[in-house]
Amino acid sequence: MGYESKLQVIQSGDKNRQFYLICPAPLAGALELEKSERIEWVVKDRYTLIVRRVQAAAKRKGAKNA
């Protein structure tokens, strides 16, 4: 099952633009994302973005040690 999001752009002044991609709540829940968690965007190709956590899962708050 996929989740659609709408890309948002905020522009301040003539040159400064920021793009925002909202992560739907069901997807964030399935990934167990937490507030202020750092993620990294990796461009695989023009049509594929990979999102991964900056910290290892074992170091995340509340994660169980294996």
PDB file of N, CA and C in Angstrom:
ATOM      1  N   MET A   1       0.839  -1.168   0.000  1.00  0.00           N
ATOM      2  CA  MET A   1       0.000   0.000   0.000  1.00  0.00           C
ATOM      3  C   MET A   1       0.891   1.241   0.000  1.00  0.00           C
ATOM      4  N   GLY A   2       0.569   2.229  -0.789  1.00  0.00           N
ATOM      5  CA  GLY A   2       1.330   3.461  -0.856  1.00  0.00           C
ATOM      6  C   GLY A   2       0.603   4.604  -0.178  1.00  0.00           C
ATOM      7  N   TYR A   3       1.357   5.615   0.178  1.00  0.00           N
ATOM      8  CA  TYR A   3       0.805   6.828   0.771  1.00  0.00           C
ATOM      9  C   TYR A   3       1.245   8.012  -0.071  1.00  0.00           C
ATOM     10  N   GLU A   4       0.286   8.821  -0.505  1.00  0.00           N
ATOM     11  CA  GLU A   4       0.605  10.009  -1.285  1.00  0.00           C
ATOM     12  C   GLU A   4       0.853  11.191  -0.371  1.00  0.00           C
ATOM     13  N   SER A   5       1.780  12.048  -0.763  1.00  0.00           N
ATOM     14  CA  SER A   5       2.037  13.297  -0.067  1.00  0.00           C
ATOM     15  C   SER A   5       2.149  14.402  -1.101  1.00  0.00           C
ATOM     16  N   LYS A   6       1.846  15.601  -0.681  1.00  0.00           N
ATOM     17  CA  LYS A   6       1.964  16.759  -1.566  1.00  0.00           C
ATOM     18  C   LYS A   6       3.200  17.545  -1.161  1.00  0.00           C
ATOM     19  N   LEU A   7       4.041  17.860  -2.119  1.00  0.00           N
ATOM     20  CA  LEU A   7       5.243  18.645  -1.881  1.00  0.00           C
ATOM     21  C   LEU A   7       4.847  20.095  -1.655  1.00  0.00           C
ATOM     22  N   GLN A   8       5.361  20.689  -0.584  1.00  0.00           N
ATOM     23  CA  GLN A   8       5.068  22.080  -0.269  1.00  0.00           C
ATOM     24  C   GLN A   8       6.340  22.908  -0.407  1.00  0.00           C
ATOM     25  N   VAL A   9       6.187  24.150  -0.844  1.00  0.00           N
ATOM     26  CA  VAL A   9       7.326  25.050  -1.014  1.00  0.00           C
ATOM     27  C   VAL A   9       7.044  26.333  -0.243  1.00  0.00           C
ATOM     28  N   ILE A  10       8.027  26.756   0.528  1.00  0.00           N
ATOM     29  CA  ILE A  10       7.945  28.032   1.231  1.00  0.00           C
ATOM     30  C   ILE A  10       9.059  28.906   0.696  1.00  0.00           C
ATOM     31  N   GLN A  11       8.685  30.098   0.254  1.00  0.00           N
ATOM     32  CA  GLN A  11       9.680  31.010  -0.309  1.00  0.00           C
ATOM     33  C   GLN A  11       9.692  32.299   0.501  1.00  0.00           C
ATOM     34  N   SER A  12      10.883  32.679   0.970  1.00  0.00           N
ATOM     35  CA  SER A  12      11.042  33.962   1.652  1.00  0.00           C
ATOM     36  C   SER A  12      12.059  34.783   0.871  1.00  0.00           C
ATOM     37  N   GLY A  13      11.652  35.944   0.457  1.00  0.00           N
ATOM     38  CA  GLY A  13      12.520  36.759  -0.395  1.00  0.00           C
ATOM     39  C   GLY A  13      12.484  36.255  -1.824  1.00  0.00           C
ATOM     40  N   ASP A  14      13.460  36.700  -2.604  1.00  0.00           N
ATOM     41  CA  ASP A  14      13.490  36.340  -4.022  1.00  0.00           C
ATOM     42  C   ASP A  14      14.159  34.992  -4.294  1.00  0.00           C
ATOM     43  N   LYS A  15      15.090  34.584  -3.434  1.00  0.00           N
ATOM     44  CA  LYS A  15      15.912  33.415  -3.756  1.00  0.00           C
ATOM     45  C   LYS A  15      15.739  32.229  -2.812  1.00  0.00           C
ATOM     46  N   ASN A  16      15.401  32.471  -1.564  1.00  0.00           N
ATOM     47  CA  ASN A  16      15.414  31.421  -0.561  1.00  0.00           C
ATOM     48  C   ASN A  16      14.135  30.581  -0.588  1.00  0.00           C
ATOM     49  N   ARG A  17      14.224  29.362  -1.110  1.00  0.00           N
ATOM     50  CA  ARG A  17      13.083  28.436  -1.142  1.00  0.00           C
ATOM     51  C   ARG A  17      13.415  27.202  -0.348  1.00  0.00           C
ATOM     52  N   GLN A  18      12.429  26.682   0.376  1.00  0.00           N
ATOM     53  CA  GLN A  18      12.575  25.407   1.065  1.00  0.00           C
ATOM     54  C   GLN A  18      11.413  24.514   0.661  1.00  0.00           C
ATOM     55  N   PHE A  19      11.725  23.263   0.415  1.00  0.00           N
ATOM     56  CA  PHE A  19      10.721  22.283   0.024  1.00  0.00           C
ATOM     57  C   PHE A  19      10.443  21.363   1.205  1.00  0.00           C
ATOM     58  N   TYR A  20       9.176  21.070   1.441  1.00  0.00           N
ATOM     59  CA  TYR A  20       8.770  20.210   2.544  1.00  0.00           C
ATOM     60  C   TYR A  20       7.960  19.039   2.001  1.00  0.00           C
ATOM     61  N   LEU A  21       8.294  17.865   2.465  1.00  0.00           N
ATOM     62  CA  LEU A  21       7.550  16.654   2.120  1.00  0.00           C
ATOM     63  C   LEU A  21       7.012  16.072   3.419  1.00  0.00           C
ATOM     64  N   ILE A  22       5.706  16.028   3.538  1.00  0.00           N
ATOM     65  CA  ILE A  22       5.063  15.577   4.762  1.00  0.00           C
ATOM     66  C   ILE A  22       4.988  14.046   4.764  1.00  0.00           C
ATOM     67  N   CYS A  23       5.356  13.455   5.883  1.00  0.00           N
ATOM     68  CA  CYS A  23       5.248  12.001   6.058  1.00  0.00           C
ATOM     69  C   CYS A  23       3.902  11.713   6.714  1.00  0.00           C
ATOM     70  N   PRO A  24       3.012  10.973   6.047  1.00  0.00           N
ATOM     71  CA  PRO A  24       1.704  10.671   6.636  1.00  0.00           C
ATOM     72  C   PRO A  24       1.851   9.896   7.953  1.00  0.00           C
ATOM     73  N   ALA A  25       0.953  10.169   8.894  1.00  0.00           N
ATOM     74  CA  ALA A  25       1.005   9.554  10.223  1.00  0.00           C
ATOM     75  C   ALA A  25       1.043   8.020  10.186  1.00  0.00           C
ATOM     76  N   PRO A  26       0.246   7.344   9.334  1.00  0.00           N
ATOM     77  CA  PRO A  26       0.318   5.880   9.323  1.00  0.00           C
ATOM     78  C   PRO A  26       1.705   5.359   8.897  1.00  0.00           C
ATOM     79  N   LEU A  27       2.338   6.058   7.971  1.00  0.00           N
ATOM     80  CA  LEU A  27       3.670   5.660   7.528  1.00  0.00           C
ATOM     81  C   LEU A  27       4.695   5.901   8.635  1.00  0.00           C
ATOM     82  N   ALA A  28       4.623   7.069   9.284  1.00  0.00           N
ATOM     83  CA  ALA A  28       5.526   7.365  10.400  1.00  0.00           C
ATOM     84  C   ALA A  28       5.362   6.345  11.521  1.00  0.00           C
ATOM     85  N   GLY A  29       4.127   5.948  11.775  1.00  0.00           N
ATOM     86  CA  GLY A  29       3.864   4.938  12.804  1.00  0.00           C
ATOM     87  C   GLY A  29       4.448   3.580  12.432  1.00  0.00           C
ATOM     88  N   ALA A  30       4.298   3.196  11.175  1.00  0.00           N
ATOM     89  CA  ALA A  30       4.839   1.911  10.723  1.00  0.00           C
ATOM     90  C   ALA A  30       6.360   1.888  10.801  1.00  0.00           C
ATOM     91  N   LEU A  31       6.978   3.047  10.598  1.00  0.00           N
ATOM     92  CA  LEU A  31       8.442   3.148  10.669  1.00  0.00           C
ATOM     93  C   LEU A  31       8.940   3.442  12.080  1.00  0.00           C
ATOM     94  N   GLU A  32       7.988   3.640  13.006  1.00  0.00           N
ATOM     95  CA  GLU A  32       8.292   3.975  14.398  1.00  0.00           C
ATOM     96  C   GLU A  32       9.167   5.228  14.490  1.00  0.00           C
ATOM     97  N   LEU A  33       8.836   6.229  13.674  1.00  0.00           N
ATOM     98  CA  LEU A  33       9.558   7.493  13.711  1.00  0.00           C
ATOM     99  C   LEU A  33       9.185   8.245  14.974  1.00  0.00           C
ATOM    100  N   GLU A  34      10.137   8.985  15.511  1.00  0.00           N
ATOM    101  CA  GLU A  34       9.910   9.764  16.719  1.00  0.00           C
ATOM    102  C   GLU A  34      10.146  11.241  16.433  1.00  0.00           C
ATOM    103  N   LYS A  35       9.522  12.098  17.236  1.00  0.00           N
ATOM    104  CA  LYS A  35       9.683  13.538  17.096  1.00  0.00           C
ATOM    105  C   LYS A  35      11.157  13.912  17.178  1.00  0.00           C
ATOM    106  N   SER A  36      11.592  14.776  16.294  1.00  0.00           N
ATOM    107  CA  SER A  36      12.966  15.300  16.224  1.00  0.00           C
ATOM    108  C   SER A  36      14.003  14.255  15.813  1.00  0.00           C
ATOM    109  N   GLU A  37      13.564  13.087  15.385  1.00  0.00           N
ATOM    110  CA  GLU A  37      14.503  12.062  14.932  1.00  0.00           C
ATOM    111  C   GLU A  37      15.197  12.544  13.662  1.00  0.00           C
ATOM    112  N   ARG A  38      16.483  12.311  13.565  1.00  0.00           N
ATOM    113  CA  ARG A  38      17.246  12.734  12.390  1.00  0.00           C
ATOM    114  C   ARG A  38      17.198  11.637  11.327  1.00  0.00           C
ATOM    115  N   ILE A  39      16.873  12.058  10.106  1.00  0.00           N
ATOM    116  CA  ILE A  39      16.865  11.130   8.977  1.00  0.00           C
ATOM    117  C   ILE A  39      17.724  11.710   7.868  1.00  0.00           C
ATOM    118  N   GLU A  40      18.140  10.849   6.971  1.00  0.00           N
ATOM    119  CA  GLU A  40      18.989  11.243   5.851  1.00  0.00           C
ATOM    120  C   GLU A  40      18.287  10.864   4.552  1.00  0.00           C
ATOM    121  N   TRP A  41      18.283  11.782   3.599  1.00  0.00           N
ATOM    122  CA  TRP A  41      17.712  11.532   2.280  1.00  0.00           C
ATOM    123  C   TRP A  41      18.850  11.187   1.332  1.00  0.00           C
ATOM    124  N   VAL A  42      18.720  10.075   0.632  1.00  0.00           N
ATOM    125  CA  VAL A  42      19.732   9.647  -0.331  1.00  0.00           C
ATOM    126  C   VAL A  42      19.059   9.532  -1.699  1.00  0.00           C
ATOM    127  N   VAL A  43      19.635  10.184  -2.697  1.00  0.00           N
ATOM    128  CA  VAL A  43      19.087  10.118  -4.051  1.00  0.00           C
ATOM    129  C   VAL A  43      19.703   8.919  -4.761  1.00  0.00           C
ATOM    130  N   LYS A  44      18.855   7.926  -5.044  1.00  0.00           N
ATOM    131  CA  LYS A  44      19.320   6.745  -5.775  1.00  0.00           C
ATOM    132  C   LYS A  44      19.338   7.038  -7.272  1.00  0.00           C
ATOM    133  N   ASP A  45      18.261   7.606  -7.760  1.00  0.00           N
ATOM    134  CA  ASP A  45      18.155   8.064  -9.138  1.00  0.00           C
ATOM    135  C   ASP A  45      17.064   9.133  -9.177  1.00  0.00           C
ATOM    136  N   ARG A  46      16.739   9.598 -10.338  1.00  0.00           N
ATOM    137  CA  ARG A  46      15.789  10.696 -10.479  1.00  0.00           C
ATOM    138  C   ARG A  46      14.405  10.378  -9.901  1.00  0.00           C
ATOM    139  N   TYR A  47      14.049   9.131  -9.801  1.00  0.00           N
ATOM    140  CA  TYR A  47      12.725   8.725  -9.353  1.00  0.00           C
ATOM    141  C   TYR A  47      12.718   8.036  -7.998  1.00  0.00           C
ATOM    142  N   THR A  48      13.867   7.857  -7.393  1.00  0.00           N
ATOM    143  CA  THR A  48      13.948   7.084  -6.153  1.00  0.00           C
ATOM    144  C   THR A  48      14.718   7.831  -5.075  1.00  0.00           C
ATOM    145  N   LEU A  49      14.065   8.061  -3.936  1.00  0.00           N
ATOM    146  CA  LEU A  49      14.716   8.601  -2.751  1.00  0.00           C
ATOM    147  C   LEU A  49      14.740   7.511  -1.687  1.00  0.00           C
ATOM    148  N   ILE A  50      15.837   7.413  -0.994  1.00  0.00           N
ATOM    149  CA  ILE A  50      15.946   6.471   0.119  1.00  0.00           C
ATOM    150  C   ILE A  50      16.018   7.313   1.387  1.00  0.00           C
ATOM    151  N   VAL A  51      15.176   6.985   2.350  1.00  0.00           N
ATOM    152  CA  VAL A  51      15.177   7.685   3.624  1.00  0.00           C
ATOM    153  C   VAL A  51      15.694   6.707   4.671  1.00  0.00           C
ATOM    154  N   ARG A  52      16.717   7.141   5.415  1.00  0.00           N
ATOM    155  CA  ARG A  52      17.236   6.250   6.450  1.00  0.00           C
ATOM    156  C   ARG A  52      17.586   7.052   7.693  1.00  0.00           C
ATOM    157  N   ARG A  53      17.565   6.359   8.793  1.00  0.00           N
ATOM    158  CA  ARG A  53      17.884   6.989  10.072  1.00  0.00           C
ATOM    159  C   ARG A  53      19.360   7.305  10.132  1.00  0.00           C
ATOM    160  N   VAL A  54      19.691   8.426  10.778  1.00  0.00           N
ATOM    161  CA  VAL A  54      21.082   8.800  10.971  1.00  0.00           C
ATOM    162  C   VAL A  54      21.706   7.928  12.057  1.00  0.00           C
ATOM    163  N   GLN A  55      20.955   7.650  13.112  1.00  0.00           N
ATOM    164  CA  GLN A  55      21.448   6.802  14.199  1.00  0.00           C
ATOM    165  C   GLN A  55      21.045   5.358  13.958  1.00  0.00           C
ATOM    166  N   ALA A  56      21.875   4.438  14.441  1.00  0.00           N
ATOM    167  CA  ALA A  56      21.543   3.012  14.348  1.00  0.00           C
ATOM    168  C   ALA A  56      20.311   2.741  15.206  1.00  0.00           C
ATOM    169  N   ALA A  57      19.510   1.761  14.811  1.00  0.00           N
ATOM    170  CA  ALA A  57      18.269   1.438  15.528  1.00  0.00           C
ATOM    171  C   ALA A  57      18.513   1.113  17.001  1.00  0.00           C
ATOM    172  N   ALA A  58      19.611   0.449  17.320  1.00  0.00           N
ATOM    173  CA  ALA A  58      19.897   0.060  18.701  1.00  0.00           C
ATOM    174  C   ALA A  58      20.150   1.274  19.589  1.00  0.00           C
ATOM    175  N   LYS A  59      20.560   2.392  19.017  1.00  0.00           N
ATOM    176  CA  LYS A  59      20.873   3.589  19.792  1.00  0.00           C
ATOM    177  C   LYS A  59      19.664   4.490  19.972  1.00  0.00           C
ATOM    178  N   ARG A  60      18.563   4.203  19.261  1.00  0.00           N
ATOM    179  CA  ARG A  60      17.373   5.037  19.360  1.00  0.00           C
ATOM    180  C   ARG A  60      16.729   4.881  20.729  1.00  0.00           C
ATOM    181  N   LYS A  61      16.099   5.932  21.176  1.00  0.00           N
ATOM    182  CA  LYS A  61      15.419   5.930  22.467  1.00  0.00           C
ATOM    183  C   LYS A  61      14.364   4.832  22.493  1.00  0.00           C
ATOM    184  N   GLY A  62      14.409   4.013  23.509  1.00  0.00           N
ATOM    185  CA  GLY A  62      13.419   2.966  23.665  1.00  0.00           C
ATOM    186  C   GLY A  62      13.685   1.698  22.890  1.00  0.00           C
ATOM    187  N   ALA A  63      14.721   1.648  22.102  1.00  0.00           N
ATOM    188  CA  ALA A  63      15.032   0.445  21.326  1.00  0.00           C
ATOM    189  C   ALA A  63      15.620  -0.618  22.247  1.00  0.00           C
ATOM    190  N   LYS A  64      15.260  -1.862  21.989  1.00  0.00           N
ATOM    191  CA  LYS A  64      15.775  -2.977  22.788  1.00  0.00           C
ATOM    192  C   LYS A  64      17.106  -3.441  22.232  1.00  0.00           C
ATOM    193  N   ASN A  65      18.019  -3.795  23.119  1.00  0.00           N
ATOM    194  CA  ASN A  65      19.297  -4.340  22.691  1.00  0.00           C
ATOM    195  C   ASN A  65      19.144  -5.803  22.315  1.00  0.00           C
ATOM    196  N   ALA A  66      19.696  -6.185  21.201  1.00  0.00           N
ATOM    197  CA  ALA A  66      19.571  -7.571  20.739  1.00  0.00           C
ATOM    198  C   ALA A  66      20.730  -8.408  21.223  1.00  0.00           C
TER     199      ALA A  66
END
